[in-house]
């Protein structure tokens, strides 16, 4: 729980993502963006070989750190998308 609170505090210090990243009307762009991240970072060495199994010791700190940055960014943008969707859908709702 403390880790989640700490992550939230870090994410709250970031500026809002641009409108193009949040755009709730084009989820196909979200998929394209995630695929681009995967191609650039996830399927990078040592995972871009024909080997079916990768020795965990072959995973560099840099690879791990890129993954953490990617995950944090995607979670941050997903939160903004959710907030935008809820605000849009609940606009004018009185709760009665």
C-alpha atoms as a PDB file:
ATOM      1  CA  UNK A   1       0.000   0.000   0.000  1.00  0.00           C
ATOM      2  CA  UNK A   2       2.816   2.391   0.858  1.00  0.00           C
ATOM      3  CA  UNK A   3       4.441   1.699  -2.513  1.00  0.00           C
ATOM      4  CA  UNK A   4       1.193   2.665  -4.263  1.00  0.00           C
ATOM      5  CA  UNK A   5       0.963   5.882  -2.269  1.00  0.00           C
ATOM      6  CA  UNK A   6       4.579   6.697  -3.059  1.00  0.00           C
ATOM      7  CA  UNK A   7       4.043   6.028  -6.769  1.00  0.00           C
ATOM      8  CA  UNK A   8       0.954   8.248  -6.736  1.00  0.00           C
ATOM      9  CA  UNK A   9       2.919  11.067  -5.129  1.00  0.00           C
ATOM     10  CA  UNK A  10       5.617  10.789  -7.802  1.00  0.00           C
ATOM     11  CA  UNK A  11       3.097  10.650 -10.644  1.00  0.00           C
ATOM     12  CA  UNK A  12       1.183  13.643  -9.286  1.00  0.00           C
ATOM     13  CA  UNK A  13       4.298  15.788  -9.730  1.00  0.00           C
ATOM     14  CA  UNK A  14       4.353  15.148 -13.488  1.00  0.00           C
ATOM     15  CA  UNK A  15       2.714  17.524 -15.934  1.00  0.00           C
ATOM     16  CA  UNK A  16      -0.474  16.340 -17.585  1.00  0.00           C
ATOM     17  CA  UNK A  17       0.052  14.366 -20.780  1.00  0.00           C
ATOM     18  CA  UNK A  18      -0.861  16.098 -24.033  1.00  0.00           C
ATOM     19  CA  UNK A  19      -4.344  15.915 -25.482  1.00  0.00           C
ATOM     20  CA  UNK A  20      -3.177  13.527 -28.216  1.00  0.00           C
ATOM     21  CA  UNK A  21      -2.034  10.987 -25.610  1.00  0.00           C
ATOM     22  CA  UNK A  22      -5.287  11.184 -23.671  1.00  0.00           C
ATOM     23  CA  UNK A  23      -7.673  11.264 -26.651  1.00  0.00           C
ATOM     24  CA  UNK A  24     -10.508   9.001 -25.492  1.00  0.00           C
ATOM     25  CA  UNK A  25     -12.058   8.885 -28.959  1.00  0.00           C
ATOM     26  CA  UNK A  26      -9.207   6.943 -30.548  1.00  0.00           C
ATOM     27  CA  UNK A  27      -8.303   3.846 -28.516  1.00  0.00           C
ATOM     28  CA  UNK A  28      -6.694   2.389 -31.649  1.00  0.00           C
ATOM     29  CA  UNK A  29      -3.998   5.042 -31.194  1.00  0.00           C
ATOM     30  CA  UNK A  30      -3.424   3.792 -27.638  1.00  0.00           C
ATOM     31  CA  UNK A  31      -2.762   0.340 -29.065  1.00  0.00           C
ATOM     32  CA  UNK A  32      -0.390   1.762 -31.673  1.00  0.00           C
ATOM     33  CA  UNK A  33       1.466   3.746 -29.004  1.00  0.00           C
ATOM     34  CA  UNK A  34       1.789   0.696 -26.739  1.00  0.00           C
ATOM     35  CA  UNK A  35       2.982  -1.434 -29.667  1.00  0.00           C
ATOM     36  CA  UNK A  36       5.645   1.156 -30.487  1.00  0.00           C
ATOM     37  CA  UNK A  37       6.879   1.078 -26.887  1.00  0.00           C
ATOM     38  CA  UNK A  38       6.932  -2.716 -26.959  1.00  0.00           C
ATOM     39  CA  UNK A  39       8.921  -2.812 -30.191  1.00  0.00           C
ATOM     40  CA  UNK A  40      11.395  -0.219 -28.972  1.00  0.00           C
ATOM     41  CA  UNK A  41      11.872  -1.314 -25.368  1.00  0.00           C
ATOM     42  CA  UNK A  42      10.232  -4.628 -24.472  1.00  0.00           C
ATOM     43  CA  UNK A  43      11.470  -6.616 -27.438  1.00  0.00           C
ATOM     44  CA  UNK A  44      14.949  -5.142 -27.185  1.00  0.00           C
ATOM     45  CA  UNK A  45      18.042  -7.189 -26.382  1.00  0.00           C
ATOM     46  CA  UNK A  46      18.191  -9.788 -24.924  1.00  0.00           C
ATOM     47  CA  UNK A  47      14.612 -10.575 -26.017  1.00  0.00           C
ATOM     48  CA  UNK A  48      15.036  -9.840 -29.708  1.00  0.00           C
ATOM     49  CA  UNK A  49      16.759 -13.094 -30.546  1.00  0.00           C
ATOM     50  CA  UNK A  50      15.490 -16.486 -31.626  1.00  0.00           C
ATOM     51  CA  UNK A  51      16.200 -17.879 -28.164  1.00  0.00           C
ATOM     52  CA  UNK A  52      13.067 -19.102 -26.408  1.00  0.00           C
ATOM     53  CA  UNK A  53      14.535 -18.735 -22.951  1.00  0.00           C
ATOM     54  CA  UNK A  54      16.567 -15.822 -21.672  1.00  0.00           C
ATOM     55  CA  UNK A  55      18.922 -16.196 -18.764  1.00  0.00           C
ATOM     56  CA  UNK A  56      17.719 -13.704 -16.125  1.00  0.00           C
ATOM     57  CA  UNK A  57      21.318 -12.600 -15.592  1.00  0.00           C
ATOM     58  CA  UNK A  58      21.294 -11.343 -19.210  1.00  0.00           C
ATOM     59  CA  UNK A  59      18.679  -8.723 -18.321  1.00  0.00           C
ATOM     60  CA  UNK A  60      20.561  -5.483 -17.791  1.00  0.00           C
ATOM     61  CA  UNK A  61      19.775  -2.782 -15.300  1.00  0.00           C
ATOM     62  CA  UNK A  62      19.216  -0.388 -18.218  1.00  0.00           C
ATOM     63  CA  UNK A  63      16.597  -2.753 -19.709  1.00  0.00           C
ATOM     64  CA  UNK A  64      14.842  -2.995 -16.357  1.00  0.00           C
ATOM     65  CA  UNK A  65      14.958   0.776 -15.799  1.00  0.00           C
ATOM     66  CA  UNK A  66      13.464   1.454 -19.263  1.00  0.00           C
ATOM     67  CA  UNK A  67      10.657  -0.931 -18.394  1.00  0.00           C
ATOM     68  CA  UNK A  68       9.917   0.863 -15.139  1.00  0.00           C
ATOM     69  CA  UNK A  69       9.794   4.230 -16.932  1.00  0.00           C
ATOM     70  CA  UNK A  70       7.499   2.789 -19.621  1.00  0.00           C
ATOM     71  CA  UNK A  71       5.171   1.253 -17.043  1.00  0.00           C
ATOM     72  CA  UNK A  72       4.969   4.447 -14.999  1.00  0.00           C
ATOM     73  CA  UNK A  73       4.235   6.493 -18.131  1.00  0.00           C
ATOM     74  CA  UNK A  74       1.510   4.098 -19.316  1.00  0.00           C
ATOM     75  CA  UNK A  75      -0.152   3.990 -15.887  1.00  0.00           C
ATOM     76  CA  UNK A  76      -0.042   7.778 -15.699  1.00  0.00           C
ATOM     77  CA  UNK A  77      -1.643   8.189 -19.121  1.00  0.00           C
ATOM     78  CA  UNK A  78      -4.242   5.495 -18.342  1.00  0.00           C
ATOM     79  CA  UNK A  79      -5.251   7.417 -15.216  1.00  0.00           C
ATOM     80  CA  UNK A  80      -5.733  10.577 -17.245  1.00  0.00           C
ATOM     81  CA  UNK A  81      -7.760   8.673 -19.839  1.00  0.00           C
ATOM     82  CA  UNK A  82      -9.976   7.222 -17.126  1.00  0.00           C
ATOM     83  CA  UNK A  83     -10.467  10.624 -15.512  1.00  0.00           C
ATOM     84  CA  UNK A  84     -11.269  12.211 -18.878  1.00  0.00           C
ATOM     85  CA  UNK A  85     -13.744   9.448 -19.703  1.00  0.00           C
ATOM     86  CA  UNK A  86     -15.497   9.735 -16.343  1.00  0.00           C
ATOM     87  CA  UNK A  87     -15.615  13.519 -16.495  1.00  0.00           C
ATOM     88  CA  UNK A  88     -17.039  13.376 -20.012  1.00  0.00           C
ATOM     89  CA  UNK A  89     -19.641  10.714 -19.205  1.00  0.00           C
ATOM     90  CA  UNK A  90     -20.708  12.248 -15.909  1.00  0.00           C
ATOM     91  CA  UNK A  91     -20.902  15.826 -17.141  1.00  0.00           C
ATOM     92  CA  UNK A  92     -24.248  17.211 -16.071  1.00  0.00           C
ATOM     93  CA  UNK A  93     -25.040  14.257 -13.810  1.00  0.00           C
ATOM     94  CA  UNK A  94     -26.536  15.396 -10.514  1.00  0.00           C
ATOM     95  CA  UNK A  95     -26.356  12.050  -8.719  1.00  0.00           C
ATOM     96  CA  UNK A  96     -30.064  12.061  -8.010  1.00  0.00           C
END
